[in-house]
Structure formats: C-alpha cells, structure tokens
Amino acid sequence: MSQIFSEETHRNLLARIPQCTGREISDWLRAVEDGPALFRFEEKVSWLRHEHNLAYGHAKAIVHEYDLRRAARNLL
C-alpha cells in the first residue's frame, strides 16, 4: 500500500470530495464496492481516476475510507 495521509488530511480530503465531484462519499464508496474486483489499493485508485476522472488525492482518500469501513465491518 502506498503512503497514507495523516488522519486530519484524510478527513479534510473526504470533506471536500462532495463539493469537488458533485457526489457524496457514500456514492463513491458504493462505486468502489460495485466496481471491478480489484485487490490492490493502487489498482482501485487507478480505476477510480481513469473511470471517473478523479484527482489522485481524492481517489486515494476514497479507497482508503472504503478499506477502513470494510475492515470495521469485518470486525463486527
């Protein structure tokens, strides 16, 4: 996995994504969930960037948030 943003930077990026993309975080997380079955972090980031024309930082923040939430679900 590539370098992870600090928690503060991650939260700031997530907060700006709806304004920059016109879509809510939940929509982006669903897009990752429903997208192709990619396993590697950077593959998911690359897919979001090319399929949805996202900036690298936004795509990375979305995939990181997706992975965090998926891991939290698995702990329950």
PDB file of N, CA and C in Angstrom:
ATOM      1  N   MET A   1       0.846  -1.172   0.000  1.00  0.00           N
ATOM      2  CA  MET A   1       0.000   0.000   0.000  1.00  0.00           C
ATOM      3  C   MET A   1       0.890   1.232   0.000  1.00  0.00           C
ATOM      4  N   SER A   2       0.448   2.234  -0.688  1.00  0.00           N
ATOM      5  CA  SER A   2       1.241   3.459  -0.769  1.00  0.00           C
ATOM      6  C   SER A   2       1.095   4.277   0.510  1.00  0.00           C
ATOM      7  N   GLN A   3       1.794   5.378   0.539  1.00  0.00           N
ATOM      8  CA  GLN A   3       1.795   6.258   1.704  1.00  0.00           C
ATOM      9  C   GLN A   3       0.369   6.677   2.049  1.00  0.00           C
ATOM     10  N   ILE A   4       0.031   6.628   3.316  1.00  0.00           N
ATOM     11  CA  ILE A   4      -1.294   7.001   3.794  1.00  0.00           C
ATOM     12  C   ILE A   4      -1.233   8.420   4.341  1.00  0.00           C
ATOM     13  N   PHE A   5      -2.277   9.173   4.068  1.00  0.00           N
ATOM     14  CA  PHE A   5      -2.373  10.534   4.588  1.00  0.00           C
ATOM     15  C   PHE A   5      -2.527  10.494   6.107  1.00  0.00           C
ATOM     16  N   SER A   6      -2.192  11.608   6.769  1.00  0.00           N
ATOM     17  CA  SER A   6      -2.495  11.710   8.195  1.00  0.00           C
ATOM     18  C   SER A   6      -4.013  11.667   8.344  1.00  0.00           C
ATOM     19  N   GLU A   7      -4.480  11.344   9.525  1.00  0.00           N
ATOM     20  CA  GLU A   7      -5.924  11.276   9.781  1.00  0.00           C
ATOM     21  C   GLU A   7      -6.590  12.619   9.469  1.00  0.00           C
ATOM     22  N   GLU A   8      -5.956  13.704   9.852  1.00  0.00           N
ATOM     23  CA  GLU A   8      -6.517  15.041   9.603  1.00  0.00           C
ATOM     24  C   GLU A   8      -6.604  15.324   8.100  1.00  0.00           C
ATOM     25  N   THR A   9      -5.553  15.018   7.377  1.00  0.00           N
ATOM     26  CA  THR A   9      -5.557  15.236   5.929  1.00  0.00           C
ATOM     27  C   THR A   9      -6.621  14.367   5.269  1.00  0.00           C
ATOM     28  N   HIS A  10      -6.726  13.125   5.705  1.00  0.00           N
ATOM     29  CA  HIS A  10      -7.733  12.216   5.162  1.00  0.00           C
ATOM     30  C   HIS A  10      -9.138  12.789   5.371  1.00  0.00           C
ATOM     31  N   ARG A  11      -9.445  13.230   6.565  1.00  0.00           N
ATOM     32  CA  ARG A  11     -10.766  13.801   6.871  1.00  0.00           C
ATOM     33  C   ARG A  11     -11.022  15.071   6.054  1.00  0.00           C
ATOM     34  N   ASN A  12     -10.010  15.912   5.900  1.00  0.00           N
ATOM     35  CA  ASN A  12     -10.166  17.134   5.103  1.00  0.00           C
ATOM     36  C   ASN A  12     -10.448  16.808   3.641  1.00  0.00           C
ATOM     37  N   LEU A  13      -9.742  15.819   3.105  1.00  0.00           N
ATOM     38  CA  LEU A  13      -9.989  15.399   1.723  1.00  0.00           C
ATOM     39  C   LEU A  13     -11.408  14.867   1.574  1.00  0.00           C
ATOM     40  N   LEU A  14     -11.832  14.015   2.488  1.00  0.00           N
ATOM     41  CA  LEU A  14     -13.185  13.465   2.420  1.00  0.00           C
ATOM     42  C   LEU A  14     -14.235  14.567   2.472  1.00  0.00           C
ATOM     43  N   ALA A  15     -14.004  15.562   3.299  1.00  0.00           N
ATOM     44  CA  ALA A  15     -14.966  16.662   3.423  1.00  0.00           C
ATOM     45  C   ALA A  15     -15.086  17.459   2.128  1.00  0.00           C
ATOM     46  N   ARG A  16     -14.019  17.552   1.356  1.00  0.00           N
ATOM     47  CA  ARG A  16     -14.031  18.331   0.111  1.00  0.00           C
ATOM     48  C   ARG A  16     -14.530  17.546  -1.096  1.00  0.00           C
ATOM     49  N   ILE A  17     -14.535  16.244  -1.028  1.00  0.00           N
ATOM     50  CA  ILE A  17     -14.896  15.430  -2.191  1.00  0.00           C
ATOM     51  C   ILE A  17     -16.302  15.730  -2.719  1.00  0.00           C
ATOM     52  N   PRO A  18     -17.337  15.821  -1.890  1.00  0.00           N
ATOM     53  CA  PRO A  18     -18.669  16.121  -2.446  1.00  0.00           C
ATOM     54  C   PRO A  18     -18.708  17.445  -3.214  1.00  0.00           C
ATOM     55  N   GLN A  19     -18.065  18.445  -2.691  1.00  0.00           N
ATOM     56  CA  GLN A  19     -18.045  19.749  -3.358  1.00  0.00           C
ATOM     57  C   GLN A  19     -17.281  19.685  -4.682  1.00  0.00           C
ATOM     58  N   CYS A  20     -16.191  18.953  -4.702  1.00  0.00           N
ATOM     59  CA  CYS A  20     -15.344  18.876  -5.900  1.00  0.00           C
ATOM     60  C   CYS A  20     -15.911  17.940  -6.965  1.00  0.00           C
ATOM     61  N   THR A  21     -16.643  16.924  -6.555  1.00  0.00           N
ATOM     62  CA  THR A  21     -17.095  15.905  -7.508  1.00  0.00           C
ATOM     63  C   THR A  21     -18.595  15.945  -7.777  1.00  0.00           C
ATOM     64  N   GLY A  22     -19.346  16.579  -6.877  1.00  0.00           N
ATOM     65  CA  GLY A  22     -20.794  16.589  -7.026  1.00  0.00           C
ATOM     66  C   GLY A  22     -21.459  15.308  -6.542  1.00  0.00           C
ATOM     67  N   ARG A  23     -20.699  14.419  -5.936  1.00  0.00           N
ATOM     68  CA  ARG A  23     -21.229  13.147  -5.406  1.00  0.00           C
ATOM     69  C   ARG A  23     -20.810  12.981  -3.957  1.00  0.00           C
ATOM     70  N   GLU A  24     -21.695  12.395  -3.177  1.00  0.00           N
ATOM     71  CA  GLU A  24     -21.418  12.151  -1.763  1.00  0.00           C
ATOM     72  C   GLU A  24     -20.428  11.001  -1.599  1.00  0.00           C
ATOM     73  N   ILE A  25     -19.779  10.957  -0.446  1.00  0.00           N
ATOM     74  CA  ILE A  25     -18.820   9.884  -0.145  1.00  0.00           C
ATOM     75  C   ILE A  25     -19.498   8.521  -0.252  1.00  0.00           C
ATOM     76  N   SER A  26     -20.726   8.412   0.235  1.00  0.00           N
ATOM     77  CA  SER A  26     -21.436   7.127   0.172  1.00  0.00           C
ATOM     78  C   SER A  26     -21.584   6.654  -1.279  1.00  0.00           C
ATOM     79  N   ASP A  27     -21.794   7.577  -2.211  1.00  0.00           N
ATOM     80  CA  ASP A  27     -21.875   7.213  -3.628  1.00  0.00           C
ATOM     81  C   ASP A  27     -20.549   6.660  -4.131  1.00  0.00           C
ATOM     82  N   TRP A  28     -19.458   7.301  -3.718  1.00  0.00           N
ATOM     83  CA  TRP A  28     -18.134   6.839  -4.155  1.00  0.00           C
ATOM     84  C   TRP A  28     -17.790   5.485  -3.541  1.00  0.00           C
ATOM     85  N   LEU A  29     -18.152   5.292  -2.285  1.00  0.00           N
ATOM     86  CA  LEU A  29     -17.882   4.001  -1.640  1.00  0.00           C
ATOM     87  C   LEU A  29     -18.671   2.895  -2.326  1.00  0.00           C
ATOM     88  N   ARG A  30     -19.896   3.195  -2.724  1.00  0.00           N
ATOM     89  CA  ARG A  30     -20.710   2.235  -3.456  1.00  0.00           C
ATOM     90  C   ARG A  30     -20.095   1.941  -4.823  1.00  0.00           C
ATOM     91  N   ALA A  31     -19.530   2.970  -5.467  1.00  0.00           N
ATOM     92  CA  ALA A  31     -18.881   2.771  -6.769  1.00  0.00           C
ATOM     93  C   ALA A  31     -17.701   1.812  -6.638  1.00  0.00           C
ATOM     94  N   VAL A  32     -16.924   1.955  -5.573  1.00  0.00           N
ATOM     95  CA  VAL A  32     -15.794   1.042  -5.345  1.00  0.00           C
ATOM     96  C   VAL A  32     -16.312  -0.363  -5.088  1.00  0.00           C
ATOM     97  N   GLU A  33     -17.347  -0.469  -4.265  1.00  0.00           N
ATOM     98  CA  GLU A  33     -17.940  -1.774  -3.935  1.00  0.00           C
ATOM     99  C   GLU A  33     -18.476  -2.470  -5.184  1.00  0.00           C
ATOM    100  N   ASP A  34     -19.144  -1.714  -6.031  1.00  0.00           N
ATOM    101  CA  ASP A  34     -19.783  -2.276  -7.228  1.00  0.00           C
ATOM    102  C   ASP A  34     -18.842  -2.349  -8.427  1.00  0.00           C
ATOM    103  N   GLY A  35     -17.666  -1.762  -8.300  1.00  0.00           N
ATOM    104  CA  GLY A  35     -16.706  -1.739  -9.405  1.00  0.00           C
ATOM    105  C   GLY A  35     -16.047  -3.091  -9.615  1.00  0.00           C
ATOM    106  N   PRO A  36     -15.049  -3.107 -10.464  1.00  0.00           N
ATOM    107  CA  PRO A  36     -14.368  -4.375 -10.750  1.00  0.00           C
ATOM    108  C   PRO A  36     -13.696  -4.952  -9.504  1.00  0.00           C
ATOM    109  N   ALA A  37     -13.536  -6.244  -9.494  1.00  0.00           N
ATOM    110  CA  ALA A  37     -12.942  -6.958  -8.349  1.00  0.00           C
ATOM    111  C   ALA A  37     -11.430  -6.784  -8.364  1.00  0.00           C
ATOM    112  N   LEU A  38     -10.997  -5.622  -7.925  1.00  0.00           N
ATOM    113  CA  LEU A  38      -9.563  -5.329  -7.838  1.00  0.00           C
ATOM    114  C   LEU A  38      -9.120  -5.539  -6.404  1.00  0.00           C
ATOM    115  N   PHE A  39      -7.928  -6.086  -6.229  1.00  0.00           N
ATOM    116  CA  PHE A  39      -7.460  -6.401  -4.884  1.00  0.00           C
ATOM    117  C   PHE A  39      -6.474  -5.383  -4.331  1.00  0.00           C
ATOM    118  N   ARG A  40      -5.608  -4.884  -5.163  1.00  0.00           N
ATOM    119  CA  ARG A  40      -4.562  -3.976  -4.682  1.00  0.00           C
ATOM    120  C   ARG A  40      -5.084  -2.550  -4.560  1.00  0.00           C
ATOM    121  N   PHE A  41      -4.620  -1.855  -3.540  1.00  0.00           N
ATOM    122  CA  PHE A  41      -5.011  -0.479  -3.257  1.00  0.00           C
ATOM    123  C   PHE A  41      -4.807   0.407  -4.482  1.00  0.00           C
ATOM    124  N   GLU A  42      -3.612   0.360  -5.049  1.00  0.00           N
ATOM    125  CA  GLU A  42      -3.296   1.237  -6.182  1.00  0.00           C
ATOM    126  C   GLU A  42      -4.119   0.901  -7.421  1.00  0.00           C
ATOM    127  N   GLU A  43      -4.516  -0.353  -7.586  1.00  0.00           N
ATOM    128  CA  GLU A  43      -5.395  -0.716  -8.709  1.00  0.00           C
ATOM    129  C   GLU A  43      -6.752  -0.036  -8.566  1.00  0.00           C
ATOM    130  N   LYS A  44      -7.280  -0.020  -7.352  1.00  0.00           N
ATOM    131  CA  LYS A  44      -8.564   0.639  -7.099  1.00  0.00           C
ATOM    132  C   LYS A  44      -8.450   2.136  -7.332  1.00  0.00           C
ATOM    133  N   VAL A  45      -7.357   2.731  -6.857  1.00  0.00           N
ATOM    134  CA  VAL A  45      -7.135   4.162  -7.057  1.00  0.00           C
ATOM    135  C   VAL A  45      -7.052   4.470  -8.550  1.00  0.00           C
ATOM    136  N   SER A  46      -6.292   3.694  -9.271  1.00  0.00           N
ATOM    137  CA  SER A  46      -6.133   3.901 -10.710  1.00  0.00           C
ATOM    138  C   SER A  46      -7.470   3.760 -11.431  1.00  0.00           C
ATOM    139  N   TRP A  47      -8.257   2.760 -11.059  1.00  0.00           N
ATOM    140  CA  TRP A  47      -9.567   2.574 -11.681  1.00  0.00           C
ATOM    141  C   TRP A  47     -10.458   3.786 -11.444  1.00  0.00           C
ATOM    142  N   LEU A  48     -10.526   4.274 -10.201  1.00  0.00           N
ATOM    143  CA  LEU A  48     -11.343   5.460  -9.906  1.00  0.00           C
ATOM    144  C   LEU A  48     -10.871   6.665 -10.704  1.00  0.00           C
ATOM    145  N   ARG A  49      -9.574   6.851 -10.773  1.00  0.00           N
ATOM    146  CA  ARG A  49      -9.024   8.003 -11.506  1.00  0.00           C
ATOM    147  C   ARG A  49      -9.410   7.955 -12.973  1.00  0.00           C
ATOM    148  N   HIS A  50      -9.251   6.809 -13.586  1.00  0.00           N
ATOM    149  CA  HIS A  50      -9.483   6.715 -15.028  1.00  0.00           C
ATOM    150  C   HIS A  50     -10.957   6.556 -15.383  1.00  0.00           C
ATOM    151  N   GLU A  51     -11.696   5.816 -14.599  1.00  0.00           N
ATOM    152  CA  GLU A  51     -13.112   5.589 -14.883  1.00  0.00           C
ATOM    153  C   GLU A  51     -13.969   6.807 -14.564  1.00  0.00           C
ATOM    154  N   HIS A  52     -13.601   7.540 -13.507  1.00  0.00           N
ATOM    155  CA  HIS A  52     -14.425   8.649 -13.029  1.00  0.00           C
ATOM    156  C   HIS A  52     -13.706   9.995 -13.081  1.00  0.00           C
ATOM    157  N   ASN A  53     -12.518  10.012 -13.656  1.00  0.00           N
ATOM    158  CA  ASN A  53     -11.760  11.252 -13.833  1.00  0.00           C
ATOM    159  C   ASN A  53     -11.533  11.999 -12.511  1.00  0.00           C
ATOM    160  N   LEU A  54     -11.162  11.255 -11.483  1.00  0.00           N
ATOM    161  CA  LEU A  54     -10.892  11.854 -10.171  1.00  0.00           C
ATOM    162  C   LEU A  54      -9.422  12.228 -10.034  1.00  0.00           C
ATOM    163  N   ALA A  55      -9.169  13.213  -9.206  1.00  0.00           N
ATOM    164  CA  ALA A  55      -7.796  13.560  -8.841  1.00  0.00           C
ATOM    165  C   ALA A  55      -7.213  12.421  -8.013  1.00  0.00           C
ATOM    166  N   TYR A  56      -5.900  12.276  -8.062  1.00  0.00           N
ATOM    167  CA  TYR A  56      -5.227  11.193  -7.341  1.00  0.00           C
ATOM    168  C   TYR A  56      -5.548  11.236  -5.846  1.00  0.00           C
ATOM    169  N   GLY A  57      -5.451  12.397  -5.225  1.00  0.00           N
ATOM    170  CA  GLY A  57      -5.704  12.509  -3.783  1.00  0.00           C
ATOM    171  C   GLY A  57      -7.121  12.118  -3.403  1.00  0.00           C
ATOM    172  N   HIS A  58      -8.092  12.525  -4.217  1.00  0.00           N
ATOM    173  CA  HIS A  58      -9.483  12.161  -3.933  1.00  0.00           C
ATOM    174  C   HIS A  58      -9.695  10.661  -4.087  1.00  0.00           C
ATOM    175  N   ALA A  59      -9.170  10.088  -5.158  1.00  0.00           N
ATOM    176  CA  ALA A  59      -9.315   8.649  -5.370  1.00  0.00           C
ATOM    177  C   ALA A  59      -8.657   7.870  -4.237  1.00  0.00           C
ATOM    178  N   LYS A  60      -7.491   8.305  -3.828  1.00  0.00           N
ATOM    179  CA  LYS A  60      -6.769   7.631  -2.754  1.00  0.00           C
ATOM    180  C   LYS A  60      -7.542   7.711  -1.436  1.00  0.00           C
ATOM    181  N   ALA A  61      -8.111   8.881  -1.144  1.00  0.00           N
ATOM    182  CA  ALA A  61      -8.892   9.050   0.089  1.00  0.00           C
ATOM    183  C   ALA A  61     -10.139   8.173   0.072  1.00  0.00           C
ATOM    184  N   ILE A  62     -10.796   8.062  -1.084  1.00  0.00           N
ATOM    185  CA  ILE A  62     -11.994   7.229  -1.196  1.00  0.00           C
ATOM    186  C   ILE A  62     -11.650   5.765  -0.961  1.00  0.00           C
ATOM    187  N   VAL A  63     -10.602   5.278  -1.592  1.00  0.00           N
ATOM    188  CA  VAL A  63     -10.217   3.875  -1.433  1.00  0.00           C
ATOM    189  C   VAL A  63      -9.772   3.611   0.005  1.00  0.00           C
ATOM    190  N   HIS A  64      -9.034   4.530   0.588  1.00  0.00           N
ATOM    191  CA  HIS A  64      -8.609   4.357   1.984  1.00  0.00           C
ATOM    192  C   HIS A  64      -9.830   4.285   2.900  1.00  0.00           C
ATOM    193  N   GLU A  65     -10.802   5.173   2.697  1.00  0.00           N
ATOM    194  CA  GLU A  65     -12.019   5.152   3.512  1.00  0.00           C
ATOM    195  C   GLU A  65     -12.793   3.857   3.287  1.00  0.00           C
ATOM    196  N   TYR A  66     -12.867   3.411   2.056  1.00  0.00           N
ATOM    197  CA  TYR A  66     -13.534   2.146   1.737  1.00  0.00           C
ATOM    198  C   TYR A  66     -12.875   0.996   2.501  1.00  0.00           C
ATOM    199  N   ASP A  67     -11.543   0.946   2.476  1.00  0.00           N
ATOM    200  CA  ASP A  67     -10.816  -0.113   3.178  1.00  0.00           C
ATOM    201  C   ASP A  67     -11.016  -0.032   4.689  1.00  0.00           C
ATOM    202  N   LEU A  68     -11.031   1.172   5.239  1.00  0.00           N
ATOM    203  CA  LEU A  68     -11.268   1.340   6.680  1.00  0.00           C
ATOM    204  C   LEU A  68     -12.644   0.823   7.077  1.00  0.00           C
ATOM    205  N   ARG A  69     -13.644   1.193   6.297  1.00  0.00           N
ATOM    206  CA  ARG A  69     -15.013   0.776   6.618  1.00  0.00           C
ATOM    207  C   ARG A  69     -15.197  -0.722   6.417  1.00  0.00           C
ATOM    208  N   ARG A  70     -14.579  -1.276   5.388  1.00  0.00           N
ATOM    209  CA  ARG A  70     -14.678  -2.715   5.153  1.00  0.00           C
ATOM    210  C   ARG A  70     -14.023  -3.474   6.309  1.00  0.00           C
ATOM    211  N   ALA A  71     -12.886  -3.007   6.772  1.00  0.00           N
ATOM    212  CA  ALA A  71     -12.204  -3.654   7.894  1.00  0.00           C
ATOM    213  C   ALA A  71     -13.057  -3.561   9.158  1.00  0.00           C
ATOM    214  N   ALA A  72     -13.710  -2.440   9.383  1.00  0.00           N
ATOM    215  CA  ALA A  72     -14.563  -2.276  10.559  1.00  0.00           C
ATOM    216  C   ALA A  72     -15.749  -3.236  10.501  1.00  0.00           C
ATOM    217  N   ARG A  73     -16.309  -3.440   9.300  1.00  0.00           N
ATOM    218  CA  ARG A  73     -17.426  -4.387   9.149  1.00  0.00           C
ATOM    219  C   ARG A  73     -16.986  -5.800   9.477  1.00  0.00           C
ATOM    220  N   ASN A  74     -15.759  -6.135   9.080  1.00  0.00           N
ATOM    221  CA  ASN A  74     -15.238  -7.492   9.309  1.00  0.00           C
ATOM    222  C   ASN A  74     -14.960  -7.760  10.774  1.00  0.00           C
ATOM    223  N   LEU A  75     -14.777  -6.725  11.564  1.00  0.00           N
ATOM    224  CA  LEU A  75     -14.523  -6.884  12.989  1.00  0.00           C
ATOM    225  C   LEU A  75     -15.799  -7.156  13.777  1.00  0.00           C
ATOM    226  N   LEU A  76     -16.920  -6.808  13.210  1.00  0.00           N
ATOM    227  CA  LEU A  76     -18.194  -6.976  13.927  1.00  0.00           C
ATOM    228  C   LEU A  76     -18.650  -8.400  13.947  1.00  0.00           C
TER     229      LEU A  76
END
